[in-house]
Amino acid sequence: VCNFQSMRKLWQEQGARTAHFFPAHDPELD
């Protein structure tokens, strides 16, 4: 998983199954 489509395409070309996932806001930053 990652949030970069180009990276996911690279892993798919290497035979991996991929999905979109993302970092999150840290509430400590509020």
Full PDB file with SEQRES, HELIX, SHEET, SSBOND, CRYST1, ORIGX, SCALE, CONECT and MASTER records, all heavy atoms in Angstrom:
SEQRES   1 A   30  VAL CYS ASN PHE GLN SER MET ARG LYS LEU TRP GLN GLU          
SEQRES   2 A   30  GLN GLY ALA ARG THR ALA HIS PHE PHE PRO ALA HIS ASP          
SEQRES   3 A   30  PRO GLU LEU ASP                                              
HELIX    1 AA1 GLN A    5  GLU A   13  1                                   9    
HELIX    2 AA2 PRO A   27  LEU A   29  5                                   3    
CRYST1    1.000    1.000    1.000  90.00  90.00  90.00 P 1           1          
ORIGX1      1.000000  0.000000  0.000000        0.00000                         
ORIGX2      0.000000  1.000000  0.000000        0.00000                         
ORIGX3      0.000000  0.000000  1.000000        0.00000                         
SCALE1      1.000000  0.000000  0.000000        0.00000                         
SCALE2      0.000000  1.000000  0.000000        0.00000                         
SCALE3      0.000000  0.000000  1.000000        0.00000                         
ATOM      1  N   VAL A   1       0.824  -1.208   0.000  1.00  0.00           N  
ATOM      2  CA  VAL A   1       0.000   0.000   0.000  1.00  0.00           C  
ATOM      3  C   VAL A   1       0.861   1.262   0.000  1.00  0.00           C  
ATOM      4  O   VAL A   1       1.977   1.271   0.523  1.00  0.00           O  
ATOM      5  CB  VAL A   1      -0.952   0.026   1.217  1.00  0.00           C  
ATOM      6  CG1 VAL A   1      -1.900  -1.157   1.190  1.00  0.00           C  
ATOM      7  CG2 VAL A   1      -0.180   0.049   2.536  1.00  0.00           C  
ATOM      8  N   CYS A   2       0.324   2.319  -0.600  1.00  0.00           N  
ATOM      9  CA  CYS A   2       0.872   3.671  -0.479  1.00  0.00           C  
ATOM     10  C   CYS A   2      -0.113   4.613  -1.153  1.00  0.00           C  
ATOM     11  O   CYS A   2      -1.123   4.185  -1.717  1.00  0.00           O  
ATOM     12  CB  CYS A   2       2.274   3.799  -1.067  1.00  0.00           C  
ATOM     13  SG  CYS A   2       2.362   3.872  -2.865  1.00  0.00           S  
ATOM     14  N   ASN A   3       0.191   5.922  -1.113  1.00  0.00           N  
ATOM     15  CA  ASN A   3      -0.715   6.907  -1.704  1.00  0.00           C  
ATOM     16  C   ASN A   3      -0.192   7.470  -3.018  1.00  0.00           C  
ATOM     17  O   ASN A   3      -0.692   8.477  -3.500  1.00  0.00           O  
ATOM     18  CB  ASN A   3      -0.970   8.057  -0.709  1.00  0.00           C  
ATOM     19  CG  ASN A   3       0.300   8.786  -0.300  1.00  0.00           C  
ATOM     20  OD1 ASN A   3       1.368   8.178  -0.224  1.00  0.00           O  
ATOM     21  ND2 ASN A   3       0.207  10.070  -0.037  1.00  0.00           N  
ATOM     22  N   PHE A   4       0.801   6.818  -3.626  1.00  0.00           N  
ATOM     23  CA  PHE A   4       1.354   7.264  -4.908  1.00  0.00           C  
ATOM     24  C   PHE A   4       1.018   6.237  -5.992  1.00  0.00           C  
ATOM     25  O   PHE A   4       1.500   5.104  -5.953  1.00  0.00           O  
ATOM     26  CB  PHE A   4       2.868   7.430  -4.835  1.00  0.00           C  
ATOM     27  CG  PHE A   4       3.326   8.574  -3.962  1.00  0.00           C  
ATOM     28  CD1 PHE A   4       4.648   8.653  -3.557  1.00  0.00           C  
ATOM     29  CD2 PHE A   4       2.445   9.565  -3.558  1.00  0.00           C  
ATOM     30  CE1 PHE A   4       5.081   9.710  -2.761  1.00  0.00           C  
ATOM     31  CE2 PHE A   4       2.870  10.619  -2.760  1.00  0.00           C  
ATOM     32  CZ  PHE A   4       4.195  10.695  -2.361  1.00  0.00           C  
ATOM     33  N   GLN A   5       0.214   6.642  -6.951  1.00  0.00           N  
ATOM     34  CA  GLN A   5      -0.221   5.739  -8.005  1.00  0.00           C  
ATOM     35  C   GLN A   5       0.962   5.213  -8.820  1.00  0.00           C  
ATOM     36  O   GLN A   5       0.997   4.049  -9.211  1.00  0.00           O  
ATOM     37  CB  GLN A   5      -1.222   6.444  -8.920  1.00  0.00           C  
ATOM     38  CG  GLN A   5      -1.724   5.601 -10.092  1.00  0.00           C  
ATOM     39  CD  GLN A   5      -2.419   4.315  -9.654  1.00  0.00           C  
ATOM     40  OE1 GLN A   5      -3.099   4.299  -8.624  1.00  0.00           O  
ATOM     41  NE2 GLN A   5      -2.256   3.239 -10.416  1.00  0.00           N  
ATOM     42  N   SER A   6       1.951   6.086  -9.087  1.00  0.00           N  
ATOM     43  CA  SER A   6       3.104   5.661  -9.885  1.00  0.00           C  
ATOM     44  C   SER A   6       3.900   4.577  -9.164  1.00  0.00           C  
ATOM     45  O   SER A   6       4.409   3.646  -9.807  1.00  0.00           O  
ATOM     46  CB  SER A   6       4.001   6.859 -10.198  1.00  0.00           C  
ATOM     47  OG  SER A   6       4.462   7.474  -9.007  1.00  0.00           O  
ATOM     48  N   MET A   7       4.004   4.671  -7.839  1.00  0.00           N  
ATOM     49  CA  MET A   7       4.703   3.643  -7.079  1.00  0.00           C  
ATOM     50  C   MET A   7       3.907   2.330  -7.099  1.00  0.00           C  
ATOM     51  O   MET A   7       4.475   1.253  -7.251  1.00  0.00           O  
ATOM     52  CB  MET A   7       4.902   4.088  -5.636  1.00  0.00           C  
ATOM     53  CG  MET A   7       5.921   5.189  -5.435  1.00  0.00           C  
ATOM     54  SD  MET A   7       7.618   4.695  -5.836  1.00  0.00           S  
ATOM     55  CE  MET A   7       7.829   5.520  -7.410  1.00  0.00           C  
ATOM     56  N   ARG A   8       2.583   2.434  -6.959  1.00  0.00           N  
ATOM     57  CA  ARG A   8       1.760   1.227  -7.002  1.00  0.00           C  
ATOM     58  C   ARG A   8       1.898   0.515  -8.349  1.00  0.00           C  
ATOM     59  O   ARG A   8       1.965  -0.719  -8.407  1.00  0.00           O  
ATOM     60  CB  ARG A   8       0.296   1.579  -6.737  1.00  0.00           C  
ATOM     61  CG  ARG A   8      -0.001   1.953  -5.277  1.00  0.00           C  
ATOM     62  CD  ARG A   8      -1.465   2.311  -5.100  1.00  0.00           C  
ATOM     63  NE  ARG A   8      -2.327   1.249  -5.603  1.00  0.00           N  
ATOM     64  CZ  ARG A   8      -3.601   1.422  -5.964  1.00  0.00           C  
ATOM     65  NH1 ARG A   8      -4.157   2.624  -5.855  1.00  0.00           N  
ATOM     66  NH2 ARG A   8      -4.313   0.413  -6.396  1.00  0.00           N  
ATOM     67  N   LYS A   9       1.944   1.294  -9.415  1.00  0.00           N  
ATOM     68  CA  LYS A   9       2.122   0.705 -10.751  1.00  0.00           C  
ATOM     69  C   LYS A   9       3.448  -0.043 -10.834  1.00  0.00           C  
ATOM     70  O   LYS A   9       3.529  -1.134 -11.411  1.00  0.00           O  
ATOM     71  CB  LYS A   9       2.051   1.795 -11.812  1.00  0.00           C  
ATOM     72  CG  LYS A   9       2.157   1.266 -13.224  1.00  0.00           C  
ATOM     73  CD  LYS A   9       2.053   2.390 -14.254  1.00  0.00           C  
ATOM     74  CE  LYS A   9       2.188   1.838 -15.673  1.00  0.00           C  
ATOM     75  NZ  LYS A   9       2.148   2.929 -16.683  1.00  0.00           N  
ATOM     76  N   LEU A  10       4.486   0.541 -10.236  1.00  0.00           N  
ATOM     77  CA  LEU A  10       5.797  -0.106 -10.229  1.00  0.00           C  
ATOM     78  C   LEU A  10       5.743  -1.441  -9.495  1.00  0.00           C  
ATOM     79  O   LEU A  10       6.260  -2.451  -9.979  1.00  0.00           O  
ATOM     80  CB  LEU A  10       6.816   0.827  -9.562  1.00  0.00           C  
ATOM     81  CG  LEU A  10       8.261   0.336  -9.473  1.00  0.00           C  
ATOM     82  CD1 LEU A  10       8.850   0.122 -10.860  1.00  0.00           C  
ATOM     83  CD2 LEU A  10       9.113   1.319  -8.672  1.00  0.00           C  
ATOM     84  N   TRP A  11       5.076  -1.471  -8.325  1.00  0.00           N  
ATOM     85  CA  TRP A  11       4.990  -2.725  -7.576  1.00  0.00           C  
ATOM     86  C   TRP A  11       4.132  -3.753  -8.315  1.00  0.00           C  
ATOM     87  O   TRP A  11       4.422  -4.952  -8.278  1.00  0.00           O  
ATOM     88  CB  TRP A  11       4.398  -2.488  -6.185  1.00  0.00           C  
ATOM     89  CG  TRP A  11       5.026  -1.374  -5.395  1.00  0.00           C  
ATOM     90  CD1 TRP A  11       4.389  -0.491  -4.577  1.00  0.00           C  
ATOM     91  CD2 TRP A  11       6.414  -1.007  -5.338  1.00  0.00           C  
ATOM     92  NE1 TRP A  11       5.276   0.391  -4.030  1.00  0.00           N  
ATOM     93  CE2 TRP A  11       6.533   0.100  -4.482  1.00  0.00           C  
ATOM     94  CE3 TRP A  11       7.569  -1.508  -5.948  1.00  0.00           C  
ATOM     95  CZ2 TRP A  11       7.748   0.707  -4.205  1.00  0.00           C  
ATOM     96  CZ3 TRP A  11       8.790  -0.892  -5.676  1.00  0.00           C  
ATOM     97  CH2 TRP A  11       8.872   0.189  -4.819  1.00  0.00           C  
ATOM     98  N   GLN A  12       3.074  -3.277  -8.991  1.00  0.00           N  
ATOM     99  CA  GLN A  12       2.228  -4.189  -9.767  1.00  0.00           C  
ATOM    100  C   GLN A  12       3.022  -4.833 -10.896  1.00  0.00           C  
ATOM    101  O   GLN A  12       2.860  -6.028 -11.180  1.00  0.00           O  
ATOM    102  CB  GLN A  12       1.022  -3.432 -10.309  1.00  0.00           C  
ATOM    103  CG  GLN A  12       0.003  -3.064  -9.232  1.00  0.00           C  
ATOM    104  CD  GLN A  12      -1.011  -2.050  -9.725  1.00  0.00           C  
ATOM    105  OE1 GLN A  12      -1.005  -1.651 -10.885  1.00  0.00           O  
ATOM    106  NE2 GLN A  12      -1.889  -1.614  -8.824  1.00  0.00           N  
ATOM    107  N   GLU A  13       3.868  -4.052 -11.537  1.00  0.00           N  
ATOM    108  CA  GLU A  13       4.704  -4.596 -12.616  1.00  0.00           C  
ATOM    109  C   GLU A  13       5.667  -5.655 -12.100  1.00  0.00           C  
ATOM    110  O   GLU A  13       6.110  -6.517 -12.851  1.00  0.00           O  
ATOM    111  CB  GLU A  13       5.470  -3.456 -13.291  1.00  0.00           C  
ATOM    112  CG  GLU A  13       4.579  -2.535 -14.121  1.00  0.00           C  
ATOM    113  CD  GLU A  13       5.304  -1.289 -14.605  1.00  0.00           C  
ATOM    114  OE1 GLU A  13       6.474  -1.076 -14.163  1.00  0.00           O  
ATOM    115  OE2 GLU A  13       4.725  -0.525 -15.386  1.00  0.00           O  
ATOM    116  N   GLN A  14       5.980  -5.567 -10.794  1.00  0.00           N  
ATOM    117  CA  GLN A  14       6.847  -6.563 -10.180  1.00  0.00           C  
ATOM    118  C   GLN A  14       6.055  -7.734  -9.604  1.00  0.00           C  
ATOM    119  O   GLN A  14       6.618  -8.608  -8.939  1.00  0.00           O  
ATOM    120  CB  GLN A  14       7.696  -5.902  -9.079  1.00  0.00           C  
ATOM    121  CG  GLN A  14       8.665  -4.860  -9.609  1.00  0.00           C  
ATOM    122  CD  GLN A  14       9.478  -4.177  -8.511  1.00  0.00           C  
ATOM    123  OE1 GLN A  14       9.585  -4.681  -7.391  1.00  0.00           O  
ATOM    124  NE2 GLN A  14      10.056  -3.032  -8.825  1.00  0.00           N  
ATOM    125  N   GLY A  15       4.727  -7.723  -9.846  1.00  0.00           N  
ATOM    126  CA  GLY A  15       3.897  -8.858  -9.448  1.00  0.00           C  
ATOM    127  C   GLY A  15       3.149  -8.708  -8.145  1.00  0.00           C  
ATOM    128  O   GLY A  15       2.484  -9.648  -7.709  1.00  0.00           O  
ATOM    129  N   ALA A  16       3.206  -7.532  -7.514  1.00  0.00           N  
ATOM    130  CA  ALA A  16       2.543  -7.347  -6.224  1.00  0.00           C  
ATOM    131  C   ALA A  16       1.100  -6.904  -6.411  1.00  0.00           C  
ATOM    132  O   ALA A  16       0.745  -6.250  -7.390  1.00  0.00           O  
ATOM    133  CB  ALA A  16       3.296  -6.306  -5.394  1.00  0.00           C  
ATOM    134  N   ARG A  17       0.260  -7.255  -5.454  1.00  0.00           N  
ATOM    135  CA  ARG A  17      -1.096  -6.733  -5.376  1.00  0.00           C  
ATOM    136  C   ARG A  17      -1.033  -5.457  -4.535  1.00  0.00           C  
ATOM    137  O   ARG A  17      -0.420  -5.443  -3.457  1.00  0.00           O  
ATOM    138  CB  ARG A  17      -2.005  -7.754  -4.709  1.00  0.00           C  
ATOM    139  CG  ARG A  17      -3.470  -7.336  -4.624  1.00  0.00           C  
ATOM    140  CD  ARG A  17      -4.273  -8.387  -3.874  1.00  0.00           C  
ATOM    141  NE  ARG A  17      -5.684  -8.016  -3.780  1.00  0.00           N  
ATOM    142  CZ  ARG A  17      -6.579  -8.679  -3.059  1.00  0.00           C  
ATOM    143  NH1 ARG A  17      -6.204  -9.747  -2.374  1.00  0.00           N  
ATOM    144  NH2 ARG A  17      -7.835  -8.283  -3.029  1.00  0.00           N  
ATOM    145  N   THR A  18      -1.655  -4.381  -4.998  1.00  0.00           N  
ATOM    146  CA  THR A  18      -1.526  -3.097  -4.317  1.00  0.00           C  
ATOM    147  C   THR A  18      -2.894  -2.483  -4.033  1.00  0.00           C  
ATOM    148  O   THR A  18      -3.906  -2.888  -4.604  1.00  0.00           O  
ATOM    149  CB  THR A  18      -0.703  -2.091  -5.155  1.00  0.00           C  
ATOM    150  OG1 THR A  18      -1.493  -1.616  -6.250  1.00  0.00           O  
ATOM    151  CG2 THR A  18       0.580  -2.723  -5.677  1.00  0.00           C  
ATOM    152  N   ALA A  19      -2.885  -1.469  -3.148  1.00  0.00           N  
ATOM    153  CA  ALA A  19      -4.099  -0.711  -2.848  1.00  0.00           C  
ATOM    154  C   ALA A  19      -3.702   0.683  -2.373  1.00  0.00           C  
ATOM    155  O   ALA A  19      -2.587   0.904  -1.885  1.00  0.00           O  
ATOM    156  CB  ALA A  19      -4.937  -1.415  -1.778  1.00  0.00           C  
ATOM    157  N   HIS A  20      -4.652   1.600  -2.521  1.00  0.00           N  
ATOM    158  CA  HIS A  20      -4.419   2.978  -2.072  1.00  0.00           C  
ATOM    159  C   HIS A  20      -4.578   3.072  -0.559  1.00  0.00           C  
ATOM    160  O   HIS A  20      -5.555   2.596   0.018  1.00  0.00           O  
ATOM    161  CB  HIS A  20      -5.409   3.926  -2.752  1.00  0.00           C  
ATOM    162  CG  HIS A  20      -5.262   5.346  -2.330  1.00  0.00           C  
ATOM    163  ND1 HIS A  20      -4.236   6.144  -2.778  1.00  0.00           N  
ATOM    164  CD2 HIS A  20      -5.994   6.123  -1.481  1.00  0.00           C  
ATOM    165  CE1 HIS A  20      -4.345   7.349  -2.241  1.00  0.00           C  
ATOM    166  NE2 HIS A  20      -5.400   7.353  -1.435  1.00  0.00           N  
ATOM    167  N   PHE A  21      -3.584   3.686   0.073  1.00  0.00           N  
ATOM    168  CA  PHE A  21      -3.625   3.967   1.508  1.00  0.00           C  
ATOM    169  C   PHE A  21      -2.910   5.292   1.720  1.00  0.00           C  
ATOM    170  O   PHE A  21      -2.244   5.791   0.817  1.00  0.00           O  
ATOM    171  CB  PHE A  21      -2.962   2.827   2.284  1.00  0.00           C  
ATOM    172  CG  PHE A  21      -3.243   2.842   3.766  1.00  0.00           C  
ATOM    173  CD1 PHE A  21      -4.534   2.964   4.241  1.00  0.00           C  
ATOM    174  CD2 PHE A  21      -2.203   2.734   4.682  1.00  0.00           C  
ATOM    175  CE1 PHE A  21      -4.798   2.975   5.611  1.00  0.00           C  
ATOM    176  CE2 PHE A  21      -2.452   2.738   6.042  1.00  0.00           C  
ATOM    177  CZ  PHE A  21      -3.752   2.866   6.506  1.00  0.00           C  
ATOM    178  N   PHE A  22      -3.038   5.902   2.892  1.00  0.00           N  
ATOM    179  CA  PHE A  22      -2.566   7.279   3.029  1.00  0.00           C  
ATOM    180  C   PHE A  22      -2.055   7.554   4.445  1.00  0.00           C  
ATOM    181  O   PHE A  22      -2.481   6.907   5.410  1.00  0.00           O  
ATOM    182  CB  PHE A  22      -3.700   8.251   2.713  1.00  0.00           C  
ATOM    183  CG  PHE A  22      -5.014   7.905   3.349  1.00  0.00           C  
ATOM    184  CD1 PHE A  22      -5.299   8.278   4.647  1.00  0.00           C  
ATOM    185  CD2 PHE A  22      -5.969   7.172   2.644  1.00  0.00           C  
ATOM    186  CE1 PHE A  22      -6.503   7.942   5.242  1.00  0.00           C  
ATOM    187  CE2 PHE A  22      -7.180   6.819   3.235  1.00  0.00           C  
ATOM    188  CZ  PHE A  22      -7.449   7.215   4.538  1.00  0.00           C  
ATOM    189  N   PRO A  23      -1.147   8.519   4.564  1.00  0.00           N  
ATOM    190  CA  PRO A  23      -0.777   9.022   5.896  1.00  0.00           C  
ATOM    191  C   PRO A  23      -1.981   9.733   6.513  1.00  0.00           C  
ATOM    192  O   PRO A  23      -2.993   9.963   5.851  1.00  0.00           O  
ATOM    193  CB  PRO A  23       0.356  10.013   5.607  1.00  0.00           C  
ATOM    194  CG  PRO A  23       0.799   9.733   4.210  1.00  0.00           C  
ATOM    195  CD  PRO A  23      -0.403   9.189   3.494  1.00  0.00           C  
ATOM    196  N   ALA A  24      -1.867  10.097   7.790  1.00  0.00           N  
ATOM    197  CA  ALA A  24      -2.977  10.757   8.475  1.00  0.00           C  
ATOM    198  C   ALA A  24      -2.479  11.943   9.288  1.00  0.00           C  
ATOM    199  O   ALA A  24      -1.296  12.041   9.630  1.00  0.00           O  
ATOM    200  CB  ALA A  24      -3.703   9.773   9.386  1.00  0.00           C  
ATOM    201  N   HIS A  25      -3.406  12.836   9.575  1.00  0.00           N  
ATOM    202  CA  HIS A  25      -3.118  13.981  10.427  1.00  0.00           C  
ATOM    203  C   HIS A  25      -2.889  13.522  11.861  1.00  0.00           C  
ATOM    204  O   HIS A  25      -3.681  12.760  12.416  1.00  0.00           O  
ATOM    205  CB  HIS A  25      -4.296  14.962  10.377  1.00  0.00           C  
ATOM    206  CG  HIS A  25      -4.247  16.021  11.421  1.00  0.00           C  
ATOM    207  ND1 HIS A  25      -3.272  17.002  11.436  1.00  0.00           N  
ATOM    208  CD2 HIS A  25      -5.037  16.262  12.502  1.00  0.00           C  
ATOM    209  CE1 HIS A  25      -3.478  17.804  12.476  1.00  0.00           C  
ATOM    210  NE2 HIS A  25      -4.534  17.376  13.141  1.00  0.00           N  
ATOM    211  N   ASP A  26      -1.797  13.995  12.451  1.00  0.00           N  
ATOM    212  CA  ASP A  26      -1.511  13.691  13.847  1.00  0.00           C  
ATOM    213  C   ASP A  26      -2.231  14.721  14.718  1.00  0.00           C  
ATOM    214  O   ASP A  26      -1.919  15.909  14.653  1.00  0.00           O  
ATOM    215  CB  ASP A  26      -0.005  13.761  14.093  1.00  0.00           C  
ATOM    216  CG  ASP A  26       0.379  13.434  15.534  1.00  0.00           C  
ATOM    217  OD1 ASP A  26      -0.525  13.082  16.321  1.00  0.00           O  
ATOM    218  OD2 ASP A  26       1.583  13.536  15.857  1.00  0.00           O  
ATOM    219  N   PRO A  27      -3.192  14.300  15.550  1.00  0.00           N  
ATOM    220  CA  PRO A  27      -3.932  15.268  16.374  1.00  0.00           C  
ATOM    221  C   PRO A  27      -3.049  16.044  17.346  1.00  0.00           C  
ATOM    222  O   PRO A  27      -3.452  17.102  17.835  1.00  0.00           O  
ATOM    223  CB  PRO A  27      -4.962  14.405  17.102  1.00  0.00           C  
ATOM    224  CG  PRO A  27      -4.443  13.013  17.021  1.00  0.00           C  
ATOM    225  CD  PRO A  27      -3.688  12.931  15.743  1.00  0.00           C  
ATOM    226  N   GLU A  28      -1.840  15.545  17.603  1.00  0.00           N  
ATOM    227  CA  GLU A  28      -0.909  16.288  18.455  1.00  0.00           C  
ATOM    228  C   GLU A  28      -0.520  17.631  17.823  1.00  0.00           C  
ATOM    229  O   GLU A  28      -0.041  18.534  18.515  1.00  0.00           O  
ATOM    230  CB  GLU A  28       0.348  15.456  18.711  1.00  0.00           C  
ATOM    231  CG  GLU A  28       0.136  14.257  19.589  1.00  0.00           C  
ATOM    232  CD  GLU A  28      -0.026  14.627  21.060  1.00  0.00           C  
ATOM    233  OE1 GLU A  28       0.813  15.391  21.572  1.00  0.00           O  
ATOM    234  OE2 GLU A  28      -0.989  14.149  21.679  1.00  0.00           O  
ATOM    235  N   LEU A  29      -0.729  17.757  16.515  1.00  0.00           N  
ATOM    236  CA  LEU A  29      -0.404  19.003  15.825  1.00  0.00           C  
ATOM    237  C   LEU A  29      -1.463  20.085  16.020  1.00  0.00           C  
ATOM    238  O   LEU A  29      -1.244  21.235  15.646  1.00  0.00           O  
ATOM    239  CB  LEU A  29      -0.216  18.745  14.320  1.00  0.00           C  
ATOM    240  CG  LEU A  29       1.123  18.136  13.914  1.00  0.00           C  
ATOM    241  CD1 LEU A  29       1.081  17.695  12.453  1.00  0.00           C  
ATOM    242  CD2 LEU A  29       2.264  19.118  14.135  1.00  0.00           C  
ATOM    243  N   ASP A  30      -2.614  19.744  16.587  1.00  0.00           N  
ATOM    244  CA  ASP A  30      -3.683  20.737  16.730  1.00  0.00           C  
ATOM    245  C   ASP A  30      -3.255  21.913  17.601  1.00  0.00           C  
ATOM    246  O   ASP A  30      -3.568  23.069  17.310  1.00  0.00           O  
ATOM    247  CB  ASP A  30      -4.948  20.078  17.287  1.00  0.00           C  
ATOM    248  CG  ASP A  30      -5.588  19.122  16.292  1.00  0.00           C  
ATOM    249  OD1 ASP A  30      -5.240  19.191  15.098  1.00  0.00           O  
ATOM    250  OD2 ASP A  30      -6.419  18.299  16.708  1.00  0.00           O  
TER     251      ASP A  30                                                      
MASTER        0    0    0    2    0    0    0    6  250    1    0    3          
END                                                                             
